[in-house]
Protein backbone atom coordinates (compact mmCIF):
# COMPACT_ATOMS: atom_id res chain seq x y z
CA GLY A 1 102.87 92.79 86.88
CA SER A 2 104.96 94.23 84.43
CA SER A 3 106.11 97.91 83.37
CA ALA A 4 105.95 99.35 80.34
CA SER A 5 108.33 101.94 78.48
CA SER A 6 108.35 103.27 74.95
CA ALA A 7 110.28 104.81 71.91
CA ARG A 8 108.18 106.14 69.27
CA ARG A 9 109.30 105.57 65.60
CA LEU A 10 107.96 106.52 61.78
CA SER A 11 106.44 103.92 59.58
CA GLY A 12 106.83 105.91 56.45
CA GLY A 13 107.13 109.81 55.46
CA ASP A 14 107.13 112.76 57.69
CA PRO A 15 103.84 112.52 59.46
CA ALA A 16 103.48 116.34 60.68
CA ASP A 17 101.80 118.55 58.35
CA SER A 18 104.03 121.27 58.07
CA SER A 19 101.04 124.20 57.30
CA THR A 20 98.96 122.93 60.23
CA GLY A 21 101.56 121.17 62.52
CA VAL A 22 98.67 118.64 63.39
CA VAL A 23 100.56 115.10 63.89
CA ASP A 24 98.87 112.51 61.86
CA THR A 25 99.08 108.96 63.89
CA SER A 26 97.93 106.68 60.79
CA SER A 27 101.65 107.14 59.67
CA LEU A 28 103.32 106.30 63.24
CA GLN A 29 104.03 103.19 65.22
CA VAL A 30 105.33 102.48 68.74
CA ASP A 31 107.56 100.13 69.76
CA VAL A 32 106.93 99.24 73.59
CA LYS A 33 109.35 97.18 75.67
CA VAL A 34 107.22 95.14 78.23
CA PHE A 35 109.44 94.56 81.81
CA HIS A 36 108.73 91.23 83.08
CA CYS A 37 108.11 90.93 86.70
CA SER A 38 108.73 87.07 87.09
CA SER A 39 111.95 85.57 87.39
CA SER A 40 112.04 84.76 83.64
CA LYS A 41 115.32 84.81 81.81
CA GLN A 42 113.95 87.03 79.34
CA ARG A 43 114.30 90.25 80.71
CA PHE A 44 111.65 92.10 78.27
CA SER A 45 109.51 91.53 75.61
CA SER A 46 109.25 93.83 72.22
CA PHE A 47 106.10 94.92 70.59
CA SER A 48 105.66 97.01 67.53
CA ILE A 49 102.29 98.68 67.64
CA LYS A 50 99.83 100.24 65.64
CA PRO A 51 97.26 103.26 65.85
CA SER A 52 94.35 100.47 65.51
CA GLY A 53 96.08 99.28 68.92
CA VAL A 54 96.95 96.04 70.50
CA VAL A 55 95.90 94.00 73.74
CA ILE A 56 99.24 92.39 75.37
CA GLN A 57 98.00 89.64 77.47
CA GLY A 58 99.76 88.04 80.11
CA SER A 59 98.57 84.85 82.08
CA ASN A 60 97.02 86.34 85.43
CA ALA A 61 93.15 87.31 84.88
CA LYS A 62 93.38 88.13 88.43
CA SER A 63 91.62 91.47 87.39
CA GLY A 64 88.35 89.95 86.15
CA LEU A 65 88.05 92.76 83.56
CA ASP A 66 88.84 92.18 79.59
CA ILE A 67 89.70 95.66 79.03
CA GLY A 68 90.87 94.78 75.18
CA GLN A 69 87.07 93.62 74.92
CA ALA A 70 85.64 96.26 76.42
CA TYR A 71 87.25 98.74 74.19
CA ALA A 72 86.73 96.68 71.45
CA ASN A 73 82.74 96.70 71.83
CA ALA A 74 82.66 100.43 72.71
CA THR A 75 84.58 101.35 69.50
CA CYS A 76 83.14 98.62 67.28
CA SER A 77 86.46 97.18 66.19
CA SER A 78 88.30 94.19 67.08
CA LEU A 79 92.36 94.53 68.39
CA GLN A 80 95.22 92.12 67.79
CA ARG A 81 96.43 90.43 70.89
CA TYR A 82 100.08 89.56 71.94
CA GLU A 83 100.87 86.78 74.65
CA LEU A 84 103.11 87.90 77.30
CA THR A 85 104.93 84.89 78.50
CA ASP A 86 104.30 86.47 82.44
CA ALA A 87 102.22 84.66 85.02
CA ARG A 88 102.16 87.51 87.00
CA ALA A 89 101.17 89.88 84.11
CA CYS A 90 97.27 90.80 83.45
CA GLN A 91 96.66 92.97 80.58
CA LEU A 92 97.96 96.18 78.88
CA LEU A 93 96.11 98.00 76.45
CA VAL A 94 97.83 100.30 73.91
CA VAL A 95 96.04 102.64 71.29
CA SER A 96 96.04 106.07 69.35
CA HIS A 97 93.79 108.63 70.44
CA LYS A 98 94.01 112.08 69.38
CA ASN A 99 97.77 112.66 68.61
CA SER A 100 99.68 109.96 70.80
CA PHE A 101 99.94 106.67 71.91
CA TRP A 102 98.11 105.72 75.47
CA ALA A 103 99.03 102.65 77.35
CA VAL A 104 95.96 101.49 79.46
CA PRO A 105 96.44 99.04 82.46
CA ALA A 106 93.59 96.60 83.48
CA PRO A 107 92.46 97.45 87.11
CA GLU A 108 94.99 95.21 89.56
CA ALA A 109 95.87 95.49 93.32
CA PHE A 110 99.40 96.96 93.66
CA SER A 111 101.73 94.47 95.59
CA ARG A 112 105.15 94.01 95.65
CA HIS A 113 104.87 91.57 92.69
CA SER A 114 101.53 92.61 90.78
CA GLY A 115 100.49 96.10 89.16
CA THR A 116 101.63 97.57 86.19
CA CYS A 117 103.96 99.83 86.14
CA ARG A 118 106.01 102.42 84.40
CA MET A 119 109.84 102.21 84.25
CA LEU A 120 111.59 105.10 85.82
CA GLY A 121 114.96 103.67 85.08
CA ASP A 122 117.96 101.17 86.44
CA ARG A 123 121.55 100.28 85.53
CA ASN A 124 120.22 99.72 82.07
CA HIS A 125 117.90 102.32 81.12
CA PRO A 126 118.60 106.21 81.76
CA PRO A 127 116.32 107.47 84.55
CA SER A 128 113.13 109.23 83.98
CA VAL A 129 112.59 112.21 86.39
CA HIS A 130 109.20 111.74 87.96
CA SER A 131 107.24 114.67 89.53
CA LEU A 132 106.01 112.94 92.99
CA SER A 133 102.41 113.96 93.60
CA VAL A 134 100.08 113.21 96.45
CA GLY A 135 98.68 109.13 95.95
CA ASP A 136 101.64 108.44 93.99
CA VAL A 137 102.64 104.61 94.57
CA LEU A 138 106.07 103.50 93.81
CA ARG A 139 108.14 100.37 93.74
CA VAL A 140 111.54 100.88 94.39
CA GLY A 141 113.40 97.40 93.80
CA SER A 142 110.52 95.30 95.25
CA VAL A 143 109.32 97.48 98.10
CA GLY A 144 106.11 99.75 97.85
CA LEU A 145 105.67 103.40 98.66
CA VAL A 146 103.09 105.40 98.49
CA VAL A 147 103.32 109.37 98.78
CA THR A 148 101.09 110.04 101.45
CA GLU A 149 101.96 113.95 101.97
CA VAL A 150 103.58 116.39 100.36
CA HIS A 151 104.16 120.00 101.61
CA ASP A 152 105.55 122.56 99.26
CA GLY A 153 106.32 125.20 101.90
CA THR A 154 102.86 127.04 101.87
CA SER A 155 100.06 124.30 101.69
CA LEU A 156 99.78 120.84 102.76
CA GLU A 157 98.06 118.07 100.55
CA ALA A 158 97.41 114.63 102.19
CA LEU A 159 95.56 111.31 101.40
CA LYS A 160 93.00 110.75 103.54
CA ASP A 161 93.64 107.76 106.35
CA SER A 162 90.43 105.83 105.04
CA THR A 163 92.75 105.85 101.53
CA ILE A 164 95.69 105.06 103.14
CA ASP A 165 94.10 102.01 105.28
CA ARG A 166 92.52 100.44 101.58
CA LEU A 167 96.17 100.63 100.07
CA VAL A 168 97.42 98.63 102.98
CA ARG A 169 94.54 96.55 103.46
CA ASP A 170 94.41 95.67 99.50
CA THR A 171 98.46 95.13 99.30
CA ALA A 172 98.27 93.06 102.15
CA ALA A 173 95.73 91.50 101.45
CA VAL A 174 97.82 89.93 97.75
CA VAL A 175 100.66 89.07 99.75
CA GLU A 176 98.32 86.89 101.93
CA LYS A 177 97.09 85.27 98.60
CA GLU A 178 100.40 84.47 97.27
CA ASP A 179 101.85 83.04 100.45
CA GLY A 180 99.01 80.80 100.52
CA LYS A 181 97.07 82.88 103.68
CA ALA A 182 93.99 83.61 101.74
CA GLY A 183 91.24 84.64 104.25
CA ALA A 184 94.15 85.75 107.34
CA GLN A 185 92.94 88.62 109.07
CA VAL A 186 95.39 91.77 108.10
CA LYS A 187 95.55 94.46 110.58
CA THR A 188 95.45 98.10 109.87
CA ALA A 189 97.18 101.04 111.36
CA ASN A 190 94.32 101.85 113.90
CA ALA A 191 93.79 98.03 115.19
CA VAL A 192 92.73 99.66 118.78
CA ASP A 193 89.43 100.57 119.04
CA ASP A 194 88.94 104.11 119.46
CA SER A 195 85.24 103.90 121.15
CA PRO A 196 84.97 105.11 124.41
CA ASP A 197 84.25 101.26 125.73
CA SER A 198 87.90 100.56 124.37
CA GLU A 199 90.10 99.55 127.73
CA GLY A 200 93.01 101.78 126.64
CA THR A 201 91.89 105.50 127.06
CA GLY A 202 94.28 107.17 125.05
CA CYS A 203 93.91 110.00 127.41
CA ILE A 204 95.62 112.05 130.18
CA SER A 205 95.92 110.76 133.78
CA ASP A 206 95.78 112.53 136.87
CA GLN A 207 97.37 110.63 139.13
CA LYS A 208 99.91 108.01 137.96
CA MET A 209 103.34 106.97 137.09
CA CYS A 210 105.00 106.18 133.86
CA TYR A 211 106.13 102.74 133.58
CA MET A 212 109.81 103.45 131.77
CA CYS A 213 111.09 106.60 133.47
CA PHE A 214 108.97 106.09 137.16
CA ASP A 215 108.25 109.80 136.92
CA ASP A 216 104.51 110.87 137.83
CA GLU A 217 105.02 114.34 136.70
CA GLN A 218 103.02 115.31 133.27
CA THR A 219 102.74 118.13 131.47
CA SER A 220 100.22 119.27 128.60
CA SER A 221 102.99 118.61 125.76
CA ASN A 222 104.15 115.33 127.54
CA PRO A 223 101.16 113.95 129.17
CA LEU A 224 100.93 110.52 130.84
CA ILE A 225 98.60 108.23 128.55
CA SER A 226 96.99 104.80 128.45
CA PRO A 227 97.67 103.77 124.30
CA CYS A 228 96.98 100.34 124.62
CA LYS A 229 94.85 97.74 126.51
CA CYS A 230 97.58 97.36 129.37
CA THR A 231 96.49 97.51 132.92
CA GLY A 232 98.46 97.66 136.10
CA ASP A 233 101.45 98.72 136.24
CA THR A 234 102.28 98.76 132.58
CA GLN A 235 99.19 100.92 131.93
CA TRP A 236 100.42 104.40 132.11
CA VAL A 237 103.52 106.45 130.02
CA HIS A 238 104.58 109.29 129.07
CA VAL A 239 104.08 110.45 125.47
CA ASP A 240 107.80 111.42 124.89
CA CYS A 241 109.16 107.87 126.70
CA LEU A 242 106.97 106.28 124.26
CA ARG A 243 108.42 107.95 121.15
CA LYS A 244 111.88 107.48 122.34
CA TRP A 245 111.58 103.66 123.03
CA HIS A 246 110.11 103.37 119.83
CA ARG A 247 112.48 105.67 117.14
CA THR A 248 113.92 103.33 114.69
CA GLY A 249 117.77 105.54 115.26
CA ASN A 250 117.27 106.24 111.62
CA GLU A 251 116.04 109.91 112.39
CA SER A 252 117.86 112.78 111.30
CA GLU A 253 117.22 116.59 110.51
CA VAL A 254 115.81 115.77 107.15
CA CYS A 255 114.39 112.16 107.57
CA ASN A 256 111.79 111.40 109.88
CA VAL A 257 110.89 107.38 110.52
CA THR A 258 107.88 106.24 112.33
CA SER A 259 105.97 102.92 112.54
CA VAL A 260 102.21 103.24 111.92
CA THR A 261 101.40 100.08 113.67
CA ALA A 262 103.95 100.06 116.34
CA SER A 263 102.27 97.85 119.01
CA CYS A 264 102.65 97.00 122.94
CA SER A 265 105.18 94.13 123.95
CA VAL A 266 103.16 93.44 126.77
CA CYS A 267 99.34 93.17 125.68
CA LYS A 268 100.60 92.62 121.74
CA THR A 269 97.66 95.67 120.81
CA SER A 270 98.76 98.59 118.17
CA TYR A 271 99.16 101.50 119.82
CA ARG A 272 96.64 104.49 119.42
CA SER A 273 97.25 107.00 116.43
CA SER A 274 96.34 109.94 118.65
CA ILE A 275 95.92 110.96 122.39
CA SER A 276 93.16 113.40 123.88
CA LEU A 277 94.84 116.80 125.21
CA PRO A 278 93.15 118.98 127.85
CA GLY A 279 90.58 121.32 126.12
CA GLY A 280 89.44 118.52 123.70
CA LYS A 281 92.20 118.77 120.93
CA LYS A 282 94.10 115.74 119.72
CA ALA A 283 98.02 115.07 118.91
CA GLU A 284 99.18 112.29 116.90
CA ILE A 285 101.76 110.02 119.06
CA PHE A 286 104.06 108.90 116.43
CA ASN A 287 103.66 111.22 113.31
CA GLU A 288 105.79 113.94 114.26
CA GLN A 289 106.61 116.65 111.80
CA LEU A 290 109.81 117.92 110.44
CA LYS A 291 109.54 121.53 108.96
CA PRO A 292 108.35 122.20 105.40
CA PRO A 293 108.43 121.54 102.69
CA TYR A 294 108.57 117.99 103.17
CA ILE A 295 107.16 114.85 101.65
CA SER A 296 106.07 111.55 103.32
CA PHE A 297 106.25 108.09 102.12
CA LEU A 298 104.48 105.13 103.74
CA VAL A 299 105.94 101.43 102.91
CA VAL A 300 102.85 99.62 101.97
CA THR A 301 104.15 95.77 100.81
CA LYS A 302 104.83 93.39 103.17
CA HIS A 303 108.47 91.57 103.17
CA ASP A 304 109.42 88.19 105.36
CA MET A 305 112.51 89.16 105.33
CA ALA A 306 112.22 92.54 107.01
CA LYS A 307 108.59 92.05 108.37
CA SER A 308 109.01 95.32 110.67
CA LEU A 309 109.32 97.49 107.34
CA PHE A 310 105.66 97.19 106.67
CA ASN A 311 103.60 100.10 107.06
CA THR A 312 106.88 102.44 108.03
CA ARG A 313 106.71 105.82 107.49
CA PHE A 314 109.29 107.91 106.13
CA GLN A 315 108.85 112.09 105.96
CA LEU A 316 112.01 113.89 103.88
CA SER A 317 112.45 117.12 104.86
CA PHE A 318 114.27 119.81 102.69
CA SER A 319 114.16 122.69 105.38
CA THR A 320 117.70 122.44 105.85
CA VAL A 321 118.39 121.93 102.36
CA ILE A 322 117.09 124.61 100.71
CA SER A 323 117.74 127.52 98.29
CA PRO A 324 117.18 131.13 99.27
CA ASN A 325 114.48 131.33 96.92
CA GLY A 326 112.62 128.57 98.76
CA LEU A 327 111.61 126.69 95.57
CA ASN A 328 115.00 124.36 94.72
CA SER A 329 117.13 122.07 96.95
CA THR A 330 120.85 122.86 97.33
CA ARG A 331 121.07 119.19 97.19
CA ASP A 332 119.08 115.49 96.40
CA LEU A 333 118.14 113.62 99.27
CA HIS A 334 118.93 110.12 98.60
CA ILE A 335 116.85 106.62 99.00
CA GLY A 336 118.86 103.41 99.54
CA ARG A 337 119.98 100.43 101.54
CA SER A 338 123.23 101.66 102.89
CA SER A 339 123.38 103.57 106.13
CA THR A 340 124.80 106.78 104.51
CA SER A 341 121.33 107.09 102.48
CA ASP A 342 118.79 109.93 103.92
CA MET A 343 116.10 107.63 103.70
CA MET A 344 117.42 104.08 104.56
CA LEU A 345 115.01 101.27 103.16
CA ASP A 346 117.38 98.27 104.58
CA TYR A 347 116.15 95.60 102.13
CA ARG A 348 118.00 93.38 99.78
CA THR A 349 116.09 94.40 96.38
CA VAL A 350 117.17 97.90 97.21
CA SER A 351 120.31 99.21 95.73
CA ALA A 352 122.44 101.20 98.61
CA HIS A 353 121.83 104.22 96.55
CA HIS A 354 118.86 103.46 94.77
CA ALA A 355 117.33 106.71 94.12
CA ALA A 356 117.01 110.31 94.75
CA VAL A 357 114.55 113.21 95.76
CA ARG A 358 115.00 116.74 94.91
CA LEU A 359 113.05 119.97 95.27
CA ARG A 360 112.52 121.67 91.97
CA ASP A 361 110.65 125.11 91.11
CA GLY A 362 108.95 124.32 94.19
CA ALA A 363 107.76 120.14 92.93
CA PHE A 364 109.43 117.14 94.59
CA GLN A 365 110.93 115.24 91.87
CA PHE A 366 112.44 111.58 91.86
CA ILE A 367 115.02 109.88 89.93
CA ASP A 368 116.44 106.61 90.02
CA CYS A 369 120.16 106.15 90.70
CA SER A 370 121.08 103.66 88.24
CA SER A 371 119.49 100.76 90.78
CA SER A 372 119.93 97.14 90.06
CA ASN A 373 116.51 96.16 90.37
CA GLY A 374 115.06 99.49 89.16
CA SER A 375 112.43 102.28 90.11
CA TYR A 376 108.32 101.93 89.09
CA LEU A 377 105.38 104.07 88.83
CA TYR A 378 102.47 102.38 89.60
CA LEU A 379 99.80 102.85 87.04
CA ARG A 380 96.32 103.36 87.91
CA LYS A 381 94.93 105.75 85.29
CA PRO A 382 95.67 105.88 81.20
CA VAL A 383 99.48 106.91 80.45
CA GLU A 384 100.87 108.75 77.56
CA LEU A 385 103.78 107.24 75.97
CA LYS A 386 106.69 109.40 75.43
CA LEU A 387 109.83 109.13 73.52
CA GLY A 388 111.95 106.61 76.66
């Protein structure tokens, strides 16, 4: 439930051997700032750490694993413990390894308030440019975003559907517990059963009528489908009609917005994610693709004041803002609460122009734009501490 940034300093003479260039970490110590996630007036706590390492301990014991004790048992050593006055923080192990200091977070499910993160910047701290990759989990203000797809113009890398479902399920479960609703059922993207016995077929009809446009004509690219469990007059609808109805109005040539959990207003079930086309092929109903290079984000946190935000997918395309060499963007694409942002996250903890994504040498980079509530990268594995 907290984030760590660091500044390295010397506690003795020059630790580098001029003849070998090897760094002697025994003469180093690292200063770490841990930023509180709770609403405490104390914004951060500072710790000076020697190579022997320490465990920074919060009062949240949800992870169930004492990483400090596990490390001490493995190395046959004892670690100093620092107490952190934050009810949402678990544990952070900071130790030296080879020529560097490393931060090791305790296993903890990510949510809008939990999960150890690395600060990427805010209005009081300079931005740290982060190269985005598939599987990255970002906290923009308090909105959690997962990078689900990266297409560099040549090849596509994407998270598996099972991984996305698990992330959505885990973060939703954390919120249910925080709100005192433990045990409540959480709907995931494919709430409608895909088995042949499901009432909604998701297949093309031979002689039916669209209940939106009242037209019975259909084509291979715009078929009449039964995407939910409705029967009777509201059973059939054109794919294009359904897409137009559920568009958010924020789409543009650089940003495509879709709701993964779009649901039927009549039968209240979630729409199918795909349909069967002639010849046995399948097509996505809502997952329309912009031209590459593009990067896709999925909102995995629930917010009572913006319930429709949960499970929304944003696809940012650089195809219209790409340099002739195809490796760099001619401008940044902005993420923020303002309607002038390329990717609008309409939530109170998100700044008007919160962050930016750019393409540099074929890689997507995330940069905080001096936001009020900060940008963070969720840590799921040890991270090397560097100056700043």
